[in-house]
N, C-alpha and C. Protein backbone atom coordinates (compact mmCIF):
# COMPACT_ATOMS: atom_id res chain seq x y z
N MET A 1 0.85 -1.19 0.00
CA MET A 1 0.00 0.00 0.00
C MET A 1 0.89 1.24 0.00
N LEU A 2 0.45 2.27 -0.70
CA LEU A 2 1.24 3.48 -0.84
C LEU A 2 0.75 4.58 0.10
N VAL A 3 1.64 5.52 0.37
CA VAL A 3 1.32 6.65 1.24
C VAL A 3 0.11 7.41 0.72
N ARG A 4 -0.01 7.57 -0.59
CA ARG A 4 -1.12 8.35 -1.15
C ARG A 4 -2.48 7.75 -0.80
N HIS A 5 -2.50 6.45 -0.47
CA HIS A 5 -3.76 5.79 -0.15
C HIS A 5 -4.22 6.07 1.28
N ILE A 6 -3.33 6.54 2.14
CA ILE A 6 -3.69 6.70 3.55
C ILE A 6 -3.45 8.10 4.08
N MET A 7 -2.75 8.96 3.34
CA MET A 7 -2.40 10.27 3.87
C MET A 7 -3.63 11.17 3.98
N CYS A 8 -3.54 12.13 4.88
CA CYS A 8 -4.57 13.15 5.01
C CYS A 8 -4.24 14.29 4.06
N THR A 9 -5.18 14.63 3.19
CA THR A 9 -4.92 15.67 2.20
C THR A 9 -5.48 17.03 2.62
N GLU A 10 -6.33 17.03 3.64
CA GLU A 10 -6.84 18.30 4.17
C GLU A 10 -5.92 18.70 5.33
N VAL A 11 -4.89 19.46 4.99
CA VAL A 11 -3.80 19.71 5.93
C VAL A 11 -3.92 21.09 6.55
N PHE A 12 -3.89 21.11 7.87
CA PHE A 12 -3.80 22.39 8.59
C PHE A 12 -2.34 22.77 8.71
N SER A 13 -2.01 24.00 8.39
CA SER A 13 -0.63 24.48 8.47
C SER A 13 -0.59 25.80 9.22
N VAL A 14 0.62 26.17 9.63
CA VAL A 14 0.82 27.44 10.32
C VAL A 14 1.89 28.23 9.59
N LEU A 15 1.85 29.55 9.79
CA LEU A 15 2.86 30.43 9.22
C LEU A 15 4.06 30.53 10.17
N PRO A 16 5.23 30.83 9.64
CA PRO A 16 6.41 30.95 10.52
C PRO A 16 6.25 32.01 11.61
N GLU A 17 5.52 33.06 11.30
CA GLU A 17 5.38 34.16 12.26
C GLU A 17 4.25 33.95 13.27
N THR A 18 3.56 32.83 13.20
CA THR A 18 2.48 32.56 14.14
C THR A 18 3.01 32.46 15.57
N PRO A 19 2.44 33.18 16.52
CA PRO A 19 2.88 33.04 17.93
C PRO A 19 2.69 31.60 18.40
N ILE A 20 3.60 31.12 19.22
CA ILE A 20 3.54 29.72 19.62
C ILE A 20 2.26 29.39 20.39
N GLN A 21 1.77 30.34 21.19
CA GLN A 21 0.54 30.07 21.94
C GLN A 21 -0.66 29.95 21.00
N ASP A 22 -0.68 30.74 19.93
CA ASP A 22 -1.76 30.65 18.95
C ASP A 22 -1.68 29.32 18.20
N ALA A 23 -0.46 28.90 17.87
CA ALA A 23 -0.28 27.63 17.16
C ALA A 23 -0.71 26.46 18.05
N LEU A 24 -0.33 26.51 19.32
CA LEU A 24 -0.71 25.44 20.24
C LEU A 24 -2.23 25.37 20.39
N ARG A 25 -2.87 26.51 20.53
CA ARG A 25 -4.33 26.53 20.67
C ARG A 25 -5.00 25.97 19.41
N ALA A 26 -4.44 26.30 18.24
CA ALA A 26 -5.01 25.82 16.98
C ALA A 26 -4.90 24.30 16.86
N LEU A 27 -3.77 23.75 17.25
CA LEU A 27 -3.60 22.29 17.20
C LEU A 27 -4.54 21.60 18.17
N GLN A 28 -4.64 22.14 19.38
CA GLN A 28 -5.50 21.52 20.38
C GLN A 28 -6.97 21.63 20.01
N ASP A 29 -7.37 22.75 19.42
CA ASP A 29 -8.76 22.90 18.99
C ASP A 29 -9.12 21.89 17.91
N ARG A 30 -8.14 21.55 17.06
CA ARG A 30 -8.39 20.60 15.98
C ARG A 30 -8.07 19.16 16.37
N ARG A 31 -7.57 18.99 17.59
CA ARG A 31 -7.20 17.67 18.11
C ARG A 31 -6.18 16.97 17.21
N ILE A 32 -5.18 17.74 16.81
CA ILE A 32 -4.06 17.17 16.06
C ILE A 32 -2.77 17.46 16.82
N ARG A 33 -1.72 16.71 16.51
CA ARG A 33 -0.49 16.82 17.29
C ARG A 33 0.68 17.40 16.51
N ARG A 34 0.47 17.69 15.24
CA ARG A 34 1.58 18.21 14.44
C ARG A 34 1.05 18.96 13.24
N ALA A 35 1.89 19.84 12.69
CA ALA A 35 1.47 20.62 11.52
C ALA A 35 2.69 21.10 10.76
N PRO A 36 2.59 21.16 9.44
CA PRO A 36 3.67 21.74 8.65
C PRO A 36 3.68 23.27 8.79
N VAL A 37 4.85 23.84 8.61
CA VAL A 37 5.00 25.29 8.62
C VAL A 37 5.25 25.73 7.18
N LEU A 38 4.36 26.57 6.65
CA LEU A 38 4.46 27.04 5.27
C LEU A 38 4.69 28.54 5.26
N ASP A 39 5.56 29.00 4.36
CA ASP A 39 5.75 30.44 4.22
C ASP A 39 4.63 31.04 3.39
N GLY A 40 4.70 32.33 3.15
CA GLY A 40 3.63 33.02 2.43
C GLY A 40 3.40 32.50 1.02
N ALA A 41 4.42 31.87 0.44
CA ALA A 41 4.30 31.33 -0.91
C ALA A 41 3.84 29.87 -0.91
N GLY A 42 3.55 29.34 0.27
CA GLY A 42 3.11 27.96 0.36
C GLY A 42 4.22 26.94 0.37
N LYS A 43 5.46 27.40 0.55
CA LYS A 43 6.61 26.49 0.57
C LYS A 43 6.80 25.91 1.97
N LEU A 44 7.08 24.61 2.05
CA LEU A 44 7.34 23.96 3.33
C LEU A 44 8.67 24.44 3.89
N VAL A 45 8.63 25.04 5.08
CA VAL A 45 9.86 25.55 5.69
C VAL A 45 10.12 24.96 7.07
N GLY A 46 9.22 24.10 7.53
CA GLY A 46 9.42 23.50 8.84
C GLY A 46 8.28 22.59 9.22
N PHE A 47 8.40 21.99 10.40
CA PHE A 47 7.37 21.10 10.93
C PHE A 47 7.33 21.30 12.43
N ILE A 48 6.13 21.39 12.97
CA ILE A 48 5.97 21.69 14.39
C ILE A 48 5.08 20.61 15.03
N THR A 49 5.39 20.28 16.27
CA THR A 49 4.56 19.31 17.00
C THR A 49 4.00 19.96 18.25
N GLU A 50 2.94 19.36 18.75
CA GLU A 50 2.35 19.86 19.99
C GLU A 50 3.37 19.82 21.12
N ARG A 51 4.21 18.79 21.14
CA ARG A 51 5.22 18.68 22.18
C ARG A 51 6.21 19.84 22.11
N ASP A 52 6.64 20.20 20.90
CA ASP A 52 7.54 21.35 20.74
C ASP A 52 6.90 22.61 21.33
N LEU A 53 5.63 22.81 21.01
CA LEU A 53 4.94 24.02 21.45
C LEU A 53 4.75 24.04 22.96
N LEU A 54 4.43 22.88 23.53
CA LEU A 54 4.25 22.81 24.99
C LEU A 54 5.55 23.11 25.72
N LYS A 55 6.65 22.59 25.19
CA LYS A 55 7.94 22.84 25.82
C LYS A 55 8.29 24.33 25.82
N ALA A 56 7.84 25.03 24.78
CA ALA A 56 8.19 26.44 24.63
C ALA A 56 7.19 27.38 25.28
N THR A 57 6.10 26.82 25.84
CA THR A 57 5.04 27.64 26.42
C THR A 57 5.19 27.71 27.92
N PRO A 58 5.08 28.90 28.52
CA PRO A 58 5.11 29.01 29.99
C PRO A 58 4.08 28.10 30.61
N GLY A 59 4.45 27.43 31.70
CA GLY A 59 3.57 26.42 32.27
C GLY A 59 2.51 26.95 33.21
N SER A 60 2.59 28.20 33.64
CA SER A 60 1.61 28.73 34.59
C SER A 60 1.49 30.23 34.40
N VAL A 61 0.45 30.77 35.00
CA VAL A 61 0.26 32.22 34.96
C VAL A 61 1.43 32.92 35.65
N GLY A 62 1.90 32.32 36.74
CA GLY A 62 3.03 32.92 37.46
C GLY A 62 4.27 33.00 36.59
N GLU A 63 4.53 31.92 35.84
CA GLU A 63 5.69 31.92 34.94
C GLU A 63 5.49 32.93 33.82
N LEU A 64 4.26 33.05 33.34
CA LEU A 64 3.99 33.98 32.25
C LEU A 64 4.30 35.41 32.65
N ASN A 65 4.11 35.71 33.93
CA ASN A 65 4.32 37.08 34.41
C ASN A 65 5.77 37.40 34.71
N THR A 66 6.67 36.45 34.50
CA THR A 66 8.08 36.72 34.66
C THR A 66 8.66 37.22 33.34
N ALA A 67 9.87 37.74 33.40
CA ALA A 67 10.52 38.23 32.18
C ALA A 67 10.74 37.08 31.19
N ASP A 68 11.17 35.95 31.72
CA ASP A 68 11.38 34.79 30.85
C ASP A 68 10.07 34.30 30.25
N GLY A 69 9.02 34.34 31.07
CA GLY A 69 7.72 33.90 30.59
C GLY A 69 7.18 34.79 29.49
N LEU A 70 7.32 36.09 29.67
CA LEU A 70 6.87 37.04 28.65
C LEU A 70 7.66 36.87 27.36
N ALA A 71 8.96 36.63 27.50
CA ALA A 71 9.79 36.43 26.31
C ALA A 71 9.39 35.16 25.57
N ALA A 72 9.10 34.09 26.35
CA ALA A 72 8.68 32.84 25.74
C ALA A 72 7.36 33.00 25.02
N ALA A 73 6.44 33.72 25.63
CA ALA A 73 5.12 33.90 25.03
C ALA A 73 5.20 34.71 23.74
N ALA A 74 6.22 35.53 23.61
CA ALA A 74 6.35 36.37 22.42
C ALA A 74 7.04 35.64 21.26
N ARG A 75 7.53 34.43 21.51
CA ARG A 75 8.24 33.72 20.45
C ARG A 75 7.26 33.25 19.37
N SER A 76 7.80 33.07 18.18
CA SER A 76 6.97 32.61 17.06
C SER A 76 7.39 31.21 16.65
N VAL A 77 6.56 30.60 15.84
CA VAL A 77 6.75 29.21 15.43
C VAL A 77 8.11 28.99 14.78
N ASP A 78 8.55 29.93 13.95
CA ASP A 78 9.80 29.71 13.22
C ASP A 78 11.01 29.62 14.14
N GLN A 79 10.88 30.06 15.39
CA GLN A 79 11.99 29.99 16.33
C GLN A 79 12.15 28.61 16.96
N ILE A 80 11.13 27.78 16.88
CA ILE A 80 11.21 26.46 17.52
C ILE A 80 10.91 25.30 16.57
N ALA A 81 10.39 25.59 15.39
CA ALA A 81 10.03 24.52 14.45
C ALA A 81 11.27 23.80 13.94
N SER A 82 11.11 22.51 13.66
CA SER A 82 12.20 21.74 13.06
C SER A 82 12.36 22.17 11.62
N LYS A 83 13.59 22.56 11.27
CA LYS A 83 13.86 23.01 9.90
C LYS A 83 14.34 21.86 9.01
N SER A 84 14.95 20.86 9.61
CA SER A 84 15.40 19.68 8.86
C SER A 84 14.27 18.66 8.90
N VAL A 85 13.40 18.71 7.91
CA VAL A 85 12.15 17.95 7.94
C VAL A 85 12.27 16.67 7.11
N THR A 86 11.95 15.55 7.75
CA THR A 86 11.83 14.28 7.03
C THR A 86 10.49 14.29 6.29
N CYS A 87 10.53 14.03 5.00
CA CYS A 87 9.31 14.06 4.19
C CYS A 87 9.07 12.70 3.54
N ALA A 88 7.82 12.45 3.21
CA ALA A 88 7.45 11.26 2.45
C ALA A 88 6.98 11.69 1.07
N HIS A 89 6.97 10.73 0.15
CA HIS A 89 6.43 10.95 -1.20
C HIS A 89 5.15 10.13 -1.30
N PRO A 90 4.17 10.58 -2.06
CA PRO A 90 2.92 9.82 -2.16
C PRO A 90 3.09 8.39 -2.62
N ASP A 91 4.16 8.10 -3.37
CA ASP A 91 4.36 6.75 -3.90
C ASP A 91 5.29 5.90 -3.03
N ASP A 92 5.65 6.39 -1.85
CA ASP A 92 6.40 5.56 -0.90
C ASP A 92 5.50 4.45 -0.38
N HIS A 93 6.10 3.29 -0.12
CA HIS A 93 5.35 2.19 0.49
C HIS A 93 5.23 2.45 1.99
N ILE A 94 4.07 2.17 2.56
CA ILE A 94 3.87 2.48 3.97
C ILE A 94 4.78 1.64 4.87
N GLU A 95 5.14 0.42 4.44
CA GLU A 95 6.05 -0.40 5.25
C GLU A 95 7.42 0.27 5.34
N ASP A 96 7.88 0.84 4.22
CA ASP A 96 9.17 1.54 4.23
C ASP A 96 9.11 2.78 5.12
N LEU A 97 8.00 3.49 5.04
CA LEU A 97 7.85 4.69 5.86
C LEU A 97 7.76 4.33 7.34
N ALA A 98 7.11 3.21 7.65
CA ALA A 98 7.03 2.76 9.04
C ALA A 98 8.42 2.51 9.60
N ALA A 99 9.30 1.93 8.78
CA ALA A 99 10.68 1.69 9.22
C ALA A 99 11.40 3.01 9.49
N VAL A 100 11.12 4.04 8.69
CA VAL A 100 11.71 5.37 8.91
C VAL A 100 11.21 5.95 10.23
N PHE A 101 9.91 5.80 10.49
CA PHE A 101 9.35 6.28 11.75
C PHE A 101 10.06 5.63 12.94
N LEU A 102 10.28 4.33 12.84
CA LEU A 102 10.92 3.61 13.93
C LEU A 102 12.37 4.06 14.10
N GLU A 103 13.06 4.20 12.99
CA GLU A 103 14.48 4.56 13.05
C GLU A 103 14.68 5.96 13.63
N LYS A 104 13.83 6.91 13.21
CA LYS A 104 14.01 8.30 13.61
C LYS A 104 13.15 8.68 14.81
N LYS A 105 12.32 7.72 15.28
CA LYS A 105 11.46 7.96 16.44
C LYS A 105 10.58 9.19 16.23
N ILE A 106 9.88 9.20 15.10
CA ILE A 106 8.96 10.29 14.79
C ILE A 106 7.57 9.72 14.60
N GLY A 107 6.56 10.58 14.71
CA GLY A 107 5.19 10.10 14.64
C GLY A 107 4.40 10.59 13.45
N GLY A 108 5.03 11.42 12.61
CA GLY A 108 4.32 11.92 11.44
C GLY A 108 5.24 12.74 10.57
N VAL A 109 4.91 12.81 9.28
CA VAL A 109 5.73 13.57 8.33
C VAL A 109 4.83 14.24 7.29
N PRO A 110 5.29 15.35 6.73
CA PRO A 110 4.58 15.92 5.59
C PRO A 110 4.84 15.08 4.34
N VAL A 111 3.89 15.09 3.44
CA VAL A 111 4.03 14.38 2.16
C VAL A 111 4.21 15.42 1.07
N VAL A 112 5.30 15.30 0.33
CA VAL A 112 5.66 16.32 -0.66
C VAL A 112 5.81 15.67 -2.03
N GLU A 113 5.25 16.33 -3.04
CA GLU A 113 5.38 15.88 -4.42
C GLU A 113 5.68 17.09 -5.30
N GLN A 114 6.76 17.01 -6.05
CA GLN A 114 7.20 18.11 -6.90
C GLN A 114 7.30 19.41 -6.10
N GLU A 115 7.91 19.29 -4.92
CA GLU A 115 8.18 20.41 -4.03
C GLU A 115 6.92 21.08 -3.49
N GLN A 116 5.79 20.40 -3.61
CA GLN A 116 4.54 20.94 -3.07
C GLN A 116 4.00 20.03 -1.97
N LEU A 117 3.55 20.62 -0.89
CA LEU A 117 2.92 19.85 0.18
C LEU A 117 1.58 19.32 -0.31
N VAL A 118 1.41 18.00 -0.24
CA VAL A 118 0.16 17.40 -0.71
C VAL A 118 -0.57 16.64 0.40
N GLY A 119 0.05 16.52 1.57
CA GLY A 119 -0.62 15.81 2.65
C GLY A 119 0.28 15.64 3.85
N VAL A 120 -0.26 14.97 4.85
CA VAL A 120 0.47 14.59 6.05
C VAL A 120 0.11 13.15 6.36
N VAL A 121 1.07 12.35 6.78
CA VAL A 121 0.80 10.97 7.17
C VAL A 121 1.40 10.74 8.55
N THR A 122 0.66 10.03 9.40
CA THR A 122 1.09 9.79 10.77
C THR A 122 1.20 8.30 11.05
N GLU A 123 1.80 7.96 12.20
CA GLU A 123 1.91 6.57 12.61
C GLU A 123 0.54 5.94 12.79
N SER A 124 -0.44 6.73 13.21
CA SER A 124 -1.80 6.20 13.37
C SER A 124 -2.41 5.82 12.03
N ASP A 125 -2.14 6.62 11.00
CA ASP A 125 -2.61 6.29 9.65
C ASP A 125 -2.04 4.95 9.19
N ILE A 126 -0.73 4.77 9.42
CA ILE A 126 -0.07 3.53 9.01
C ILE A 126 -0.60 2.35 9.82
N PHE A 127 -0.76 2.55 11.11
CA PHE A 127 -1.25 1.47 11.96
C PHE A 127 -2.64 1.02 11.53
N ARG A 128 -3.53 1.97 11.29
CA ARG A 128 -4.89 1.61 10.87
C ARG A 128 -4.88 0.90 9.52
N ALA A 129 -4.00 1.34 8.61
CA ALA A 129 -3.94 0.72 7.29
C ALA A 129 -3.46 -0.72 7.36
N ILE A 130 -2.43 -0.94 8.18
CA ILE A 130 -1.87 -2.29 8.26
C ILE A 130 -2.81 -3.23 8.99
N VAL A 131 -3.42 -2.77 10.06
CA VAL A 131 -4.33 -3.63 10.81
C VAL A 131 -5.56 -3.97 9.98
N GLY A 132 -6.03 -3.03 9.17
CA GLY A 132 -7.26 -3.25 8.43
C GLY A 132 -7.08 -3.69 7.00
N ALA A 133 -5.84 -3.83 6.53
CA ALA A 133 -5.62 -4.16 5.13
C ALA A 133 -5.92 -5.62 4.83
N PRO A 134 -6.35 -5.95 3.59
CA PRO A 134 -6.52 -7.34 3.20
C PRO A 134 -5.19 -8.07 3.30
N GLU A 135 -5.21 -9.28 3.81
CA GLU A 135 -3.98 -10.01 4.09
C GLU A 135 -3.66 -11.05 3.04
N LEU A 136 -2.37 -11.33 2.92
CA LEU A 136 -1.92 -12.43 2.08
C LEU A 136 -2.08 -13.74 2.84
N ALA A 137 -2.11 -14.84 2.09
CA ALA A 137 -2.27 -16.16 2.72
C ALA A 137 -1.07 -16.46 3.61
N ASP A 138 -1.30 -17.23 4.68
CA ASP A 138 -0.25 -17.69 5.57
C ASP A 138 0.51 -16.54 6.23
N THR A 139 -0.19 -15.48 6.54
CA THR A 139 0.43 -14.34 7.20
C THR A 139 0.15 -14.39 8.70
N THR A 140 1.19 -14.11 9.49
CA THR A 140 1.08 -14.13 10.95
C THR A 140 1.23 -12.71 11.49
N ARG A 141 0.38 -12.35 12.44
CA ARG A 141 0.48 -11.03 13.08
C ARG A 141 1.00 -11.21 14.50
N ILE A 142 2.05 -10.49 14.81
CA ILE A 142 2.69 -10.58 16.13
C ILE A 142 2.78 -9.17 16.73
N THR A 143 2.39 -9.07 17.99
CA THR A 143 2.47 -7.79 18.70
C THR A 143 3.48 -7.92 19.83
N VAL A 144 4.49 -7.05 19.85
CA VAL A 144 5.52 -7.10 20.87
C VAL A 144 5.72 -5.72 21.46
N GLN A 145 6.23 -5.71 22.68
CA GLN A 145 6.47 -4.46 23.39
C GLN A 145 7.91 -4.41 23.83
N CYS A 146 8.49 -3.22 23.74
CA CYS A 146 9.86 -3.03 24.19
C CYS A 146 9.89 -3.17 25.71
N GLY A 147 10.82 -3.98 26.23
CA GLY A 147 10.93 -4.19 27.67
C GLY A 147 11.56 -3.01 28.36
N LYS A 148 11.73 -3.13 29.68
CA LYS A 148 12.34 -2.05 30.45
C LYS A 148 13.79 -1.84 30.04
N ALA A 149 14.49 -2.96 29.75
CA ALA A 149 15.86 -2.86 29.27
C ALA A 149 15.85 -2.75 27.74
N PRO A 150 16.79 -2.01 27.15
CA PRO A 150 16.82 -1.89 25.70
C PRO A 150 16.95 -3.26 25.03
N ALA A 151 16.19 -3.47 23.99
CA ALA A 151 16.27 -4.73 23.26
C ALA A 151 17.63 -4.84 22.58
N SER A 152 18.17 -6.05 22.57
CA SER A 152 19.51 -6.24 22.03
C SER A 152 19.52 -6.28 20.51
N ARG A 153 18.40 -6.58 19.90
CA ARG A 153 18.33 -6.64 18.45
C ARG A 153 17.04 -5.97 17.98
N THR A 154 17.12 -5.28 16.86
CA THR A 154 15.94 -4.61 16.34
C THR A 154 14.99 -5.63 15.71
N VAL A 155 13.74 -5.24 15.61
CA VAL A 155 12.74 -6.10 14.99
C VAL A 155 13.15 -6.47 13.57
N GLN A 156 13.62 -5.47 12.81
CA GLN A 156 13.98 -5.73 11.42
C GLN A 156 15.11 -6.75 11.31
N LYS A 157 16.08 -6.68 12.22
CA LYS A 157 17.20 -7.63 12.17
C LYS A 157 16.73 -9.04 12.45
N VAL A 158 15.81 -9.19 13.39
CA VAL A 158 15.30 -10.53 13.70
C VAL A 158 14.52 -11.08 12.52
N VAL A 159 13.72 -10.24 11.88
CA VAL A 159 12.96 -10.68 10.71
C VAL A 159 13.90 -11.14 9.60
N ARG A 160 14.96 -10.38 9.38
CA ARG A 160 15.92 -10.79 8.34
C ARG A 160 16.64 -12.07 8.73
N PHE A 161 16.98 -12.20 10.00
CA PHE A 161 17.67 -13.40 10.48
C PHE A 161 16.85 -14.66 10.22
N LEU A 162 15.53 -14.55 10.39
CA LEU A 162 14.65 -15.70 10.18
C LEU A 162 14.21 -15.84 8.72
N LYS A 163 14.67 -14.93 7.87
CA LYS A 163 14.35 -14.97 6.43
C LYS A 163 12.84 -14.93 6.20
N LEU A 164 12.20 -13.99 6.89
CA LEU A 164 10.76 -13.80 6.75
C LEU A 164 10.46 -12.62 5.83
N ASP A 165 9.28 -12.65 5.22
CA ASP A 165 8.80 -11.51 4.46
C ASP A 165 8.01 -10.61 5.41
N LEU A 166 8.42 -9.36 5.52
CA LEU A 166 7.71 -8.41 6.37
C LEU A 166 6.60 -7.78 5.55
N VAL A 167 5.37 -8.23 5.79
CA VAL A 167 4.22 -7.76 5.03
C VAL A 167 3.75 -6.40 5.55
N GLY A 168 3.82 -6.20 6.86
CA GLY A 168 3.37 -4.94 7.43
C GLY A 168 4.05 -4.66 8.76
N LEU A 169 4.15 -3.39 9.09
CA LEU A 169 4.80 -2.99 10.33
C LEU A 169 4.17 -1.69 10.80
N ALA A 170 3.77 -1.67 12.06
CA ALA A 170 3.22 -0.44 12.65
C ALA A 170 3.74 -0.31 14.07
N GLN A 171 3.75 0.93 14.57
CA GLN A 171 4.25 1.18 15.92
C GLN A 171 3.37 2.21 16.59
N TYR A 172 3.15 2.03 17.89
CA TYR A 172 2.44 3.03 18.66
C TYR A 172 2.98 3.01 20.08
N THR A 173 2.60 4.01 20.87
CA THR A 173 3.05 4.11 22.26
C THR A 173 1.94 3.67 23.18
N SER A 174 2.26 2.75 24.09
CA SER A 174 1.27 2.22 25.01
C SER A 174 0.95 3.23 26.10
N SER A 175 -0.04 2.90 26.94
CA SER A 175 -0.45 3.81 28.01
C SER A 175 0.65 4.04 29.04
N ASP A 176 1.60 3.09 29.13
CA ASP A 176 2.72 3.27 30.05
C ASP A 176 3.98 3.74 29.34
N ASP A 177 3.79 4.36 28.17
CA ASP A 177 4.86 5.02 27.41
C ASP A 177 5.94 4.05 26.91
N ARG A 178 5.55 2.83 26.62
CA ARG A 178 6.48 1.90 25.97
C ARG A 178 6.10 1.72 24.51
N GLU A 179 7.10 1.44 23.69
CA GLU A 179 6.85 1.26 22.27
C GLU A 179 6.27 -0.13 22.00
N VAL A 180 5.19 -0.17 21.25
CA VAL A 180 4.56 -1.42 20.86
C VAL A 180 4.61 -1.54 19.35
N PHE A 181 4.99 -2.73 18.87
CA PHE A 181 5.12 -2.98 17.44
C PHE A 181 4.17 -4.08 17.01
N VAL A 182 3.48 -3.86 15.90
CA VAL A 182 2.62 -4.87 15.30
C VAL A 182 3.26 -5.27 13.97
N LEU A 183 3.65 -6.53 13.87
CA LEU A 183 4.32 -7.02 12.67
C LEU A 183 3.43 -8.04 11.98
N LYS A 184 3.43 -7.99 10.66
CA LYS A 184 2.77 -9.02 9.87
C LYS A 184 3.83 -9.63 8.97
N VAL A 185 4.04 -10.92 9.18
CA VAL A 185 5.13 -11.60 8.49
C VAL A 185 4.62 -12.86 7.80
N ARG A 186 5.43 -13.32 6.85
CA ARG A 186 5.10 -14.55 6.14
C ARG A 186 6.39 -15.31 5.91
N GLY A 187 6.36 -16.61 6.16
CA GLY A 187 7.54 -17.43 5.94
C GLY A 187 7.49 -18.69 6.78
N GLU A 188 8.37 -19.63 6.44
CA GLU A 188 8.36 -20.92 7.11
C GLU A 188 8.67 -20.81 8.60
N ARG A 189 9.46 -19.82 8.97
CA ARG A 189 9.88 -19.70 10.37
C ARG A 189 9.11 -18.61 11.11
N SER A 190 7.93 -18.25 10.64
CA SER A 190 7.16 -17.20 11.31
C SER A 190 6.84 -17.57 12.75
N LYS A 191 6.69 -18.88 13.03
CA LYS A 191 6.40 -19.31 14.41
C LYS A 191 7.56 -19.06 15.34
N ASP A 192 8.77 -18.88 14.79
CA ASP A 192 9.96 -18.65 15.61
C ASP A 192 10.18 -17.18 15.93
N LEU A 193 9.40 -16.29 15.30
CA LEU A 193 9.65 -14.86 15.47
C LEU A 193 9.40 -14.42 16.92
N GLY A 194 8.28 -14.86 17.50
CA GLY A 194 7.98 -14.47 18.88
C GLY A 194 9.05 -14.89 19.86
N PRO A 195 9.42 -16.17 19.90
CA PRO A 195 10.48 -16.60 20.81
C PRO A 195 11.81 -15.90 20.56
N GLU A 196 12.13 -15.65 19.29
CA GLU A 196 13.40 -14.98 18.98
C GLU A 196 13.40 -13.54 19.48
N LEU A 197 12.28 -12.86 19.33
CA LEU A 197 12.19 -11.49 19.83
C LEU A 197 12.23 -11.46 21.36
N THR A 198 11.61 -12.45 21.99
CA THR A 198 11.64 -12.54 23.45
C THR A 198 13.08 -12.69 23.94
N ARG A 199 13.85 -13.55 23.28
CA ARG A 199 15.27 -13.73 23.65
C ARG A 199 16.06 -12.45 23.44
N ALA A 200 15.63 -11.64 22.48
CA ALA A 200 16.35 -10.40 22.18
C ALA A 200 15.94 -9.26 23.10
N GLY A 201 15.01 -9.49 24.03
CA GLY A 201 14.66 -8.46 24.99
C GLY A 201 13.28 -7.84 24.82
N TRP A 202 12.47 -8.39 23.91
CA TRP A 202 11.12 -7.88 23.69
C TRP A 202 10.11 -8.68 24.50
N ILE A 203 8.94 -8.10 24.72
CA ILE A 203 7.86 -8.76 25.46
C ILE A 203 6.75 -9.12 24.47
N MET A 204 6.43 -10.41 24.37
CA MET A 204 5.39 -10.87 23.47
C MET A 204 4.01 -10.53 24.06
N LEU A 205 3.20 -9.83 23.30
CA LEU A 205 1.85 -9.49 23.74
C LEU A 205 0.78 -10.34 23.05
N ASP A 206 1.02 -10.69 21.78
CA ASP A 206 -0.01 -11.42 21.05
C ASP A 206 0.61 -12.03 19.79
N ARG A 207 0.10 -13.20 19.43
CA ARG A 207 0.50 -13.86 18.18
C ARG A 207 -0.72 -14.57 17.63
N ARG A 208 -1.03 -14.30 16.35
CA ARG A 208 -2.20 -14.93 15.74
C ARG A 208 -2.07 -14.91 14.23
N ALA A 209 -2.84 -15.76 13.58
CA ALA A 209 -2.93 -15.70 12.13
C ALA A 209 -3.65 -14.42 11.76
N ALA A 210 -3.07 -13.65 10.83
CA ALA A 210 -3.71 -12.40 10.43
C ALA A 210 -5.02 -12.70 9.73
N SER A 211 -6.00 -11.84 9.98
CA SER A 211 -7.31 -12.05 9.38
C SER A 211 -7.89 -10.73 8.88
């Protein structure tokens, strides 16, 4: 499945000069966690997240009334937005993009085609697509969680070690702030994936034939 099939094309964006408090209020009103930053010509110049804005916003009225608080409140989006933006293309495969999300520990990216912003895709979009997509025969779905100690081997390395086909991959954060991965694999040794990941430091949550 391609990014163009799951991306959101109705994209809310902010201007570089938007005050951070206004940008934060706009994201929260729309119940979204990230937005591209576009200049007056519509060119992508950055990417902002709710977390970035919260970090830059005074935490209380008392803090706001200090010199530092007033200075923070006067800052604009372009002062805190990420300028080195990871982008996707509409024709990227969602499995490849999921691997990028995992590697860079990001939750969403703008989608750009011919230097124009055409959408935004998030980890939730990918997760919903993989969980709900029609499955190939003999496909196994495995859900694992990162343990308290860092895992000694990445999911992708274990999949390659077992010579499995990775049909789908999604990641989300659990209620206790641990990373959870949903893998859909196919191959003769798919039954060995769970035990192998457990030995590598992962916690097995679920294993079933994909349906």
